Amino acid sequence: MTEKENSSSWTLTLNAVSIALVAAIATQVFHESCHAIAVVLVGARLKWFNLLAVSYVGEISRWGHIIIAGNPALMNLLTGTIAVALFSRRWVMRRPTLRLFLLYFSAYSLLTSFGNLIIAALIYRPGGQNPSDWARVLDLLDVSPTIRIPIGLVGAIGELLVYFWLVRSTLRFGGEVAERYQRARLAMPLLMEPYLMINAVFLLLSIWNPLGFSGFLIIVLQFLLGYIAFFVAFFGVVYWTKVRTPPPDATPLSDELSWPWLVSAAVALGTASLALLRTIHF
């Protein structure tokens, strides 16, 4: 790799990780905000709001608890689907970094939704401690443990669909991608490095999870397992995909640092670390 290519690779990595971090934090804040809004709508009282969890009190119906626990994953599914629909709009294609943000935001949103189902299938125990959102929904519905099989299958199929979409969409950011080394040069900074670095950031932040070890475990499962489609998509792009011609709607990324996204990432991380992670009490 020449010095110019090495510099371009680092620039692409910094831009991609910055954009992915903004998308991941936006997805997480939106998810917890959906919990908080539902708390107010069903008539309970919000005790505190955190980047990783919320707490509430109040005498509400069982369906109120179900709405609070279950609605964020559904809203993630909705917003992720909207982002997928916007991804190929012409006005988005004229803005490559915005398009990359939509790739990350849609993937994180959809994987949060489907990952919730997979985690529920893994840990749901009737009448036991069910710290994840949809494990709690299943417990509140008082359903048989056998429900874990279809729930897990839906989650796994969703993850698989997101994997295929990630592979297809990542190639839209390359110019010449016919050769394996060209695809590797694209997939490493866009998929593998954001997956590893965003996971590292959130696993570090989750050490101070207000829910303790159970909350930390949920974050570990969410980011390492729930978002594993990023990791697998790297191999899909590099080794398992054959590309003869560049995609017709390709929008190659610039070799220059995107300072607006770098600043946005710094502000988002600072806000998450100093404000939300410290917990906002009501």
Protein backbone atom coordinates (compact mmCIF):
# COMPACT_ATOMS: atom_id res chain seq x y z
CA MET A 1 0.00 0.00 0.00
CA THR A 2 1.39 3.40 -0.97
CA GLU A 3 1.63 6.32 1.48
CA LYS A 4 -1.31 8.02 -0.23
CA GLU A 5 -3.43 4.87 -0.02
CA ASN A 6 -2.51 4.43 3.66
CA SER A 7 -3.53 8.03 4.41
CA SER A 8 -6.78 7.55 2.50
CA SER A 9 -7.50 4.37 4.47
CA TRP A 10 -7.04 6.14 7.81
CA THR A 11 -9.25 9.00 6.65
CA LEU A 12 -11.97 6.58 5.62
CA THR A 13 -11.69 4.78 8.96
CA LEU A 14 -11.97 7.99 10.99
CA ASN A 15 -14.94 9.19 8.98
CA ALA A 16 -16.71 5.82 9.12
CA VAL A 17 -16.14 5.28 12.86
CA SER A 18 -17.32 8.83 13.59
CA ILE A 19 -20.49 8.39 11.55
CA ALA A 20 -21.12 4.93 13.03
CA LEU A 21 -20.69 6.29 16.56
CA VAL A 22 -23.25 9.05 15.94
CA ALA A 23 -25.65 6.47 14.49
CA ALA A 24 -25.15 4.01 17.37
CA ILE A 25 -25.65 6.66 20.06
CA ALA A 26 -28.68 8.09 18.22
CA THR A 27 -30.19 4.60 18.03
CA GLN A 28 -29.55 3.94 21.73
CA VAL A 29 -30.90 7.31 22.91
CA PHE A 30 -33.98 6.90 20.69
CA HIS A 31 -34.55 3.41 22.10
CA GLU A 32 -34.43 4.58 25.71
CA SER A 33 -36.49 7.66 24.85
CA CYS A 34 -39.25 5.38 23.57
CA HIS A 35 -39.27 3.69 26.99
CA ALA A 36 -39.46 7.07 28.71
CA ILE A 37 -42.23 8.45 26.49
CA ALA A 38 -44.26 5.27 26.98
CA VAL A 39 -43.86 5.61 30.76
CA VAL A 40 -45.52 9.04 30.62
CA LEU A 41 -48.22 7.96 28.16
CA VAL A 42 -49.41 5.01 30.27
CA GLY A 43 -49.58 7.14 33.43
CA ALA A 44 -46.49 6.01 35.33
CA ARG A 45 -43.76 8.29 36.70
CA LEU A 46 -40.25 8.33 35.28
CA LYS A 47 -37.65 8.02 38.07
CA TRP A 48 -34.49 8.37 35.99
CA PHE A 49 -33.23 8.30 32.42
CA ASN A 50 -29.88 6.84 31.41
CA LEU A 51 -28.09 6.11 28.16
CA LEU A 52 -28.53 2.39 28.81
CA ALA A 53 -31.77 2.10 30.80
CA VAL A 54 -34.74 3.89 32.37
CA SER A 55 -36.58 3.37 35.65
CA TYR A 56 -40.18 4.18 36.55
CA VAL A 57 -42.74 3.77 39.32
CA GLY A 58 -46.52 3.81 39.44
CA GLU A 59 -49.56 1.60 39.60
CA ILE A 60 -50.35 0.73 36.00
CA SER A 61 -51.94 -2.21 34.21
CA ARG A 62 -50.06 -5.20 32.88
CA TRP A 63 -50.54 -3.86 29.36
CA GLY A 64 -48.95 -0.59 30.46
CA HIS A 65 -45.82 -2.51 31.48
CA ILE A 66 -45.92 -4.42 28.19
CA ILE A 67 -46.11 -1.18 26.17
CA ILE A 68 -43.20 0.32 28.11
CA ALA A 69 -41.02 -2.75 27.63
CA GLY A 70 -41.98 -3.73 24.10
CA ASN A 71 -42.52 -0.55 22.10
CA PRO A 72 -38.87 0.58 21.64
CA ALA A 73 -37.92 -2.49 19.59
CA LEU A 74 -40.94 -1.91 17.36
CA MET A 75 -40.02 1.75 16.95
CA ASN A 76 -36.44 0.74 16.09
CA LEU A 77 -37.90 -1.54 13.43
CA LEU A 78 -39.97 1.34 12.03
CA THR A 79 -37.15 3.91 11.96
CA GLY A 80 -34.70 1.37 10.55
CA THR A 81 -37.12 0.55 7.73
CA ILE A 82 -37.56 4.27 6.97
CA ALA A 83 -33.77 4.71 6.83
CA VAL A 84 -33.50 1.79 4.39
CA ALA A 85 -36.15 3.42 2.20
CA LEU A 86 -34.25 6.72 2.22
CA PHE A 87 -30.89 5.09 1.45
CA SER A 88 -31.40 5.04 -2.32
CA ARG A 89 -33.12 8.40 -2.71
CA ARG A 90 -31.36 10.65 -5.22
CA TRP A 91 -30.99 13.56 -2.81
CA VAL A 92 -29.30 11.17 -0.35
CA MET A 93 -27.02 9.73 -3.02
CA ARG A 94 -25.68 13.21 -3.66
CA ARG A 95 -24.46 13.25 -0.04
CA PRO A 96 -22.24 10.18 0.48
CA THR A 97 -21.61 10.70 4.21
CA LEU A 98 -25.33 11.15 4.89
CA ARG A 99 -25.92 7.96 2.95
CA LEU A 100 -23.32 6.20 5.10
CA PHE A 101 -25.07 7.49 8.22
CA LEU A 102 -28.33 5.99 6.95
CA LEU A 103 -26.56 2.68 6.40
CA TYR A 104 -25.35 2.62 10.00
CA PHE A 105 -28.54 4.02 11.52
CA SER A 106 -30.75 1.56 9.65
CA ALA A 107 -28.49 -1.37 10.54
CA TYR A 108 -28.21 -0.45 14.23
CA SER A 109 -31.96 0.17 14.45
CA LEU A 110 -32.99 -3.05 12.74
CA LEU A 111 -30.39 -5.13 14.56
CA THR A 112 -31.50 -3.64 17.89
CA SER A 113 -35.04 -4.76 17.09
CA PHE A 114 -34.20 -8.26 15.89
CA GLY A 115 -31.44 -8.66 18.46
CA ASN A 116 -34.01 -8.03 21.19
CA LEU A 117 -35.90 -11.11 20.00
CA ILE A 118 -32.76 -13.25 19.92
CA ILE A 119 -31.75 -12.18 23.43
CA ALA A 120 -35.29 -12.87 24.66
CA ALA A 121 -35.13 -16.36 23.15
CA LEU A 122 -31.83 -16.99 24.94
CA ILE A 123 -32.66 -15.74 28.42
CA TYR A 124 -36.45 -15.86 28.87
CA ARG A 125 -37.51 -17.74 31.98
CA PRO A 126 -41.18 -17.68 33.04
CA GLY A 127 -41.45 -16.04 36.44
CA GLY A 128 -37.70 -15.46 36.63
CA GLN A 129 -35.48 -12.46 36.23
CA ASN A 130 -35.92 -11.21 32.66
CA PRO A 131 -33.78 -8.08 32.24
CA SER A 132 -34.12 -7.66 28.48
CA ASP A 133 -37.09 -5.83 26.95
CA TRP A 134 -38.77 -8.65 25.10
CA ALA A 135 -37.94 -11.29 27.68
CA ARG A 136 -39.92 -9.08 30.06
CA VAL A 137 -42.75 -8.78 27.52
CA LEU A 138 -42.94 -12.57 27.23
CA ASP A 139 -42.95 -12.87 31.00
CA LEU A 140 -45.74 -10.30 31.33
CA LEU A 141 -47.75 -12.20 28.71
CA ASP A 142 -47.12 -15.37 30.73
CA VAL A 143 -46.37 -17.49 27.68
CA SER A 144 -44.80 -20.94 27.48
CA PRO A 145 -40.99 -21.26 27.26
CA THR A 146 -41.50 -22.92 23.87
CA ILE A 147 -42.28 -19.46 22.47
CA ARG A 148 -38.53 -18.93 22.51
CA ILE A 149 -38.20 -21.05 19.35
CA PRO A 150 -40.37 -18.93 16.99
CA ILE A 151 -39.20 -15.71 18.66
CA GLY A 152 -35.58 -16.73 18.12
CA LEU A 153 -36.27 -17.74 14.52
CA VAL A 154 -37.87 -14.37 13.70
CA GLY A 155 -34.88 -12.61 15.23
CA ALA A 156 -32.40 -14.77 13.36
CA ILE A 157 -34.18 -14.31 10.02
CA GLY A 158 -34.22 -10.55 10.61
CA GLU A 159 -30.50 -10.54 11.37
CA LEU A 160 -29.86 -12.53 8.19
CA LEU A 161 -31.84 -10.06 6.09
CA VAL A 162 -29.89 -7.16 7.59
CA TYR A 163 -26.64 -9.02 6.82
CA PHE A 164 -27.55 -9.31 3.13
CA TRP A 165 -28.60 -5.66 3.05
CA LEU A 166 -25.32 -4.59 4.67
CA VAL A 167 -23.28 -6.52 2.10
CA ARG A 168 -25.21 -5.07 -0.81
CA SER A 169 -25.23 -1.52 0.55
CA THR A 170 -21.56 -1.41 1.59
CA LEU A 171 -20.54 -2.07 -1.99
CA ARG A 172 -22.39 1.13 -2.96
CA PHE A 173 -19.57 3.14 -1.37
CA GLY A 174 -16.81 1.71 -3.56
CA GLY A 175 -15.66 2.58 -7.03
CA GLU A 176 -13.74 -0.38 -8.37
CA VAL A 177 -14.67 -3.41 -6.24
CA ALA A 178 -14.11 -6.30 -8.65
CA GLU A 179 -10.95 -7.49 -6.89
CA ARG A 180 -10.89 -8.95 -3.40
CA TYR A 181 -8.24 -6.52 -2.15
CA GLN A 182 -10.40 -3.61 -3.33
CA ARG A 183 -13.39 -4.94 -1.42
CA ALA A 184 -11.23 -5.53 1.65
CA ARG A 185 -9.97 -1.95 1.48
CA LEU A 186 -13.62 -0.86 1.53
CA ALA A 187 -15.09 -3.33 4.04
CA MET A 188 -12.40 -3.04 6.72
CA PRO A 189 -13.00 0.66 7.52
CA LEU A 190 -16.76 0.55 6.84
CA LEU A 191 -17.70 -2.69 8.63
CA MET A 192 -15.04 -4.39 10.73
CA GLU A 193 -13.39 -1.38 12.36
CA PRO A 194 -16.66 0.37 13.31
CA TYR A 195 -17.99 -2.93 14.71
CA LEU A 196 -14.93 -3.39 16.93
CA MET A 197 -14.55 0.24 18.02
CA ILE A 198 -18.23 0.98 18.69
CA ASN A 199 -18.48 -2.24 20.67
CA ALA A 200 -15.43 -1.24 22.70
CA VAL A 201 -16.92 2.18 23.47
CA PHE A 202 -20.29 0.84 24.60
CA LEU A 203 -18.84 -2.06 26.58
CA LEU A 204 -16.67 0.44 28.43
CA LEU A 205 -19.65 2.72 29.10
CA SER A 206 -21.77 -0.23 30.24
CA ILE A 207 -19.42 -0.88 33.17
CA TRP A 208 -21.41 1.92 34.88
CA ASN A 209 -24.77 0.46 33.87
CA PRO A 210 -27.28 1.43 36.62
CA LEU A 211 -28.85 -2.04 36.37
CA GLY A 212 -25.63 -3.67 37.51
CA PHE A 213 -24.26 -6.92 36.13
CA SER A 214 -27.53 -7.99 34.48
CA GLY A 215 -27.62 -4.68 32.58
CA PHE A 216 -23.96 -5.08 31.60
CA LEU A 217 -24.69 -8.59 30.32
CA ILE A 218 -27.56 -7.33 28.16
CA ILE A 219 -25.29 -4.71 26.56
CA VAL A 220 -22.64 -7.38 25.91
CA LEU A 221 -25.23 -9.57 24.19
CA GLN A 222 -26.71 -6.62 22.30
CA PHE A 223 -23.43 -5.35 20.86
CA LEU A 224 -21.39 -8.53 20.43
CA LEU A 225 -24.20 -10.84 19.34
CA GLY A 226 -27.02 -8.54 18.24
CA TYR A 227 -24.75 -6.49 15.96
CA ILE A 228 -22.67 -9.40 14.70
CA ALA A 229 -24.11 -8.86 11.21
CA PHE A 230 -21.45 -6.14 10.78
CA PHE A 231 -18.72 -8.65 11.53
CA VAL A 232 -20.13 -11.33 9.23
CA ALA A 233 -20.90 -8.81 6.47
CA PHE A 234 -17.18 -7.99 6.29
CA PHE A 235 -16.49 -11.55 5.14
CA GLY A 236 -19.54 -11.43 2.89
CA VAL A 237 -18.22 -8.36 1.09
CA VAL A 238 -14.61 -9.52 0.85
CA TYR A 239 -14.80 -13.28 0.35
CA TRP A 240 -18.34 -14.39 -0.48
CA THR A 241 -19.37 -11.79 -3.07
CA LYS A 242 -18.38 -11.64 -6.71
CA VAL A 243 -18.61 -8.23 -8.36
CA ARG A 244 -17.89 -7.82 -12.07
CA THR A 245 -18.89 -4.17 -12.50
CA PRO A 246 -19.34 -1.28 -10.05
CA PRO A 247 -22.91 -0.85 -8.74
CA PRO A 248 -24.84 1.62 -10.92
CA ASP A 249 -25.81 3.74 -7.91
CA ALA A 250 -22.36 3.82 -6.32
CA THR A 251 -21.41 6.90 -4.28
CA PRO A 252 -17.68 6.66 -3.48
CA LEU A 253 -16.61 8.39 -0.28
CA SER A 254 -14.22 11.33 -0.19
CA ASP A 255 -10.55 10.96 0.81
CA GLU A 256 -10.84 14.07 3.02
CA LEU A 257 -11.70 14.16 6.70
CA SER A 258 -15.34 14.98 7.35
CA TRP A 259 -14.99 17.49 10.17
CA PRO A 260 -18.75 17.94 10.72
CA TRP A 261 -19.08 14.22 11.46
CA LEU A 262 -15.93 14.14 13.59
CA VAL A 263 -17.25 17.03 15.70
CA SER A 264 -20.72 15.43 15.86
CA ALA A 265 -19.17 12.18 17.10
CA ALA A 266 -17.18 14.02 19.77
CA VAL A 267 -20.28 15.92 20.95
CA ALA A 268 -22.42 12.77 20.94
CA LEU A 269 -19.85 10.77 22.89
CA GLY A 270 -19.25 13.62 25.32
CA THR A 271 -22.98 14.06 25.93
CA ALA A 272 -23.50 10.32 26.36
CA SER A 273 -20.57 10.01 28.75
CA LEU A 274 -20.98 13.13 30.86
CA ALA A 275 -24.74 13.66 30.88
CA LEU A 276 -26.78 10.58 30.04
CA LEU A 277 -24.40 8.02 31.57
CA ARG A 278 -24.43 9.94 34.86
CA THR A 279 -28.22 9.42 34.89
CA ILE A 280 -30.86 12.16 34.77
CA HIS A 281 -33.17 11.97 37.78
CA PHE A 282 -36.75 13.27 37.83
